[in-house]
C-alpha atoms as a PDB file:
ATOM      1  CA  MET A   1      15.693 120.960 177.791  1.00  0.00           C
ATOM      2  CA  GLN A   2      18.829 119.418 178.441  1.00  0.00           C
ATOM      3  CA  TYR A   3      19.055 118.081 175.562  1.00  0.00           C
ATOM      4  CA  ILE A   4      17.879 120.611 172.962  1.00  0.00           C
ATOM      5  CA  ALA A   5      20.679 123.129 175.042  1.00  0.00           C
ATOM      6  CA  ALA A   6      23.101 119.682 174.470  1.00  0.00           C
ATOM      7  CA  ALA A   7      22.250 120.022 170.816  1.00  0.00           C
ATOM      8  CA  ILE A   8      22.785 123.366 169.972  1.00  0.00           C
ATOM      9  CA  ALA A   9      26.338 122.466 171.570  1.00  0.00           C
ATOM     10  CA  ILE A  10      27.805 119.782 169.461  1.00  0.00           C
ATOM     11  CA  PHE A  11      25.936 121.846 166.301  1.00  0.00           C
ATOM     12  CA  GLY A  12      27.781 125.431 166.768  1.00  0.00           C
ATOM     13  CA  ALA A  13      30.537 124.059 167.980  1.00  0.00           C
ATOM     14  CA  SER A  14      30.644 121.629 164.679  1.00  0.00           C
ATOM     15  CA  ILE A  15      29.713 124.298 162.402  1.00  0.00           C
ATOM     16  CA  GLY A  16      32.125 126.692 163.703  1.00  0.00           C
ATOM     17  CA  ALA A  17      34.980 123.539 162.725  1.00  0.00           C
ATOM     18  CA  ALA A  18      33.962 122.761 159.466  1.00  0.00           C
ATOM     19  CA  TYR A  19      33.834 126.742 159.163  1.00  0.00           C
ATOM     20  CA  GLY A  20      37.568 127.233 160.793  1.00  0.00           C
ATOM     21  CA  ASN A  21      38.931 124.283 159.136  1.00  0.00           C
ATOM     22  CA  GLY A  22      37.672 124.938 155.194  1.00  0.00           C
ATOM     23  CA  GLN A  23      39.616 128.424 155.430  1.00  0.00           C
ATOM     24  CA  VAL A  24      42.407 127.282 156.912  1.00  0.00           C
ATOM     25  CA  ILE A  25      42.655 124.168 153.996  1.00  0.00           C
ATOM     26  CA  SER A  26      42.123 127.005 151.791  1.00  0.00           C
ATOM     27  CA  LYS A  27      44.419 129.521 153.221  1.00  0.00           C
ATOM     28  CA  THR A  28      47.347 126.568 153.158  1.00  0.00           C
ATOM     29  CA  ILE A  29      46.628 125.624 148.878  1.00  0.00           C
ATOM     30  CA  GLU A  30      47.018 129.322 148.106  1.00  0.00           C
ATOM     31  CA  SER A  31      49.722 130.127 150.031  1.00  0.00           C
ATOM     32  CA  MET A  32      50.990 126.834 148.582  1.00  0.00           C
ATOM     33  CA  THR A  33      50.041 127.240 144.725  1.00  0.00           C
ATOM     34  CA  ARG A  34      51.379 130.695 145.119  1.00  0.00           C
ATOM     35  CA  GLN A  35      54.912 129.346 147.159  1.00  0.00           C
ATOM     36  CA  PRO A  36      55.649 125.631 146.116  1.00  0.00           C
ATOM     37  CA  GLU A  37      58.901 125.715 148.055  1.00  0.00           C
ATOM     38  CA  MET A  38      57.463 126.018 151.741  1.00  0.00           C
ATOM     39  CA  ALA A  39      54.298 123.038 150.599  1.00  0.00           C
ATOM     40  CA  GLY A  40      55.914 120.943 153.126  1.00  0.00           C
ATOM     41  CA  GLN A  41      56.165 123.775 155.960  1.00  0.00           C
ATOM     42  CA  LEU A  42      52.851 125.458 155.206  1.00  0.00           C
ATOM     43  CA  ARG A  43      51.773 121.076 155.138  1.00  0.00           C
ATOM     44  CA  THR A  44      52.920 121.093 158.489  1.00  0.00           C
ATOM     45  CA  THR A  45      51.893 124.370 159.794  1.00  0.00           C
ATOM     46  CA  MET A  46      48.270 123.650 158.268  1.00  0.00           C
ATOM     47  CA  PHE A  47      48.165 120.059 159.865  1.00  0.00           C
ATOM     48  CA  ILE A  48      48.540 121.317 163.588  1.00  0.00           C
ATOM     49  CA  GLY A  49      46.825 124.134 162.736  1.00  0.00           C
ATOM     50  CA  VAL A  50      43.249 121.624 161.834  1.00  0.00           C
ATOM     51  CA  GLY A  51      44.111 119.706 164.899  1.00  0.00           C
ATOM     52  CA  MET A  52      43.177 123.149 167.042  1.00  0.00           C
ATOM     53  CA  ILE A  53      40.408 123.658 165.279  1.00  0.00           C
ATOM     54  CA  GLU A  54      39.122 119.466 166.009  1.00  0.00           C
ATOM     55  CA  ALA A  55      39.769 120.086 169.551  1.00  0.00           C
ATOM     56  CA  VAL A  56      36.445 123.136 169.234  1.00  0.00           C
ATOM     57  CA  PRO A  57      34.115 119.606 168.815  1.00  0.00           C
ATOM     58  CA  ILE A  58      35.679 117.498 171.324  1.00  0.00           C
ATOM     59  CA  LEU A  59      35.044 119.917 173.121  1.00  0.00           C
ATOM     60  CA  GLY A  60      31.682 120.989 172.522  1.00  0.00           C
ATOM     61  CA  VAL A  61      30.343 117.004 172.989  1.00  0.00           C
ATOM     62  CA  VAL A  62      32.188 118.068 176.065  1.00  0.00           C
ATOM     63  CA  VAL A  63      29.889 120.110 177.522  1.00  0.00           C
ATOM     64  CA  ALA A  64      26.949 118.192 175.729  1.00  0.00           C
ATOM     65  CA  LEU A  65      26.990 115.565 177.642  1.00  0.00           C
ATOM     66  CA  LEU A  66      27.776 117.542 181.046  1.00  0.00           C
ATOM     67  CA  LEU A  67      24.400 119.020 179.811  1.00  0.00           C
ATOM     68  CA  ILE A  68      22.454 116.082 179.940  1.00  0.00           C
ATOM     69  CA  PHE A  69      24.250 114.122 182.239  1.00  0.00           C
ATOM     70  CA  ILE A  70      24.754 115.944 185.188  1.00  0.00           C
END
């Protein structure tokens, strides 16, 4: 059961992060087409947002490892 719980934790975290990254990137590209002069600032903000979203799967892996080894 520990392995199933770990797999669900990683699966949920990775699906959520993939959806979040897709939304952030698509909205950033949409904003860049509407206001090209803001492209640099939007890109910087996008990278910060993607970095924060990528913390979710890392925490999912930590939870999965805790479920397996503890």
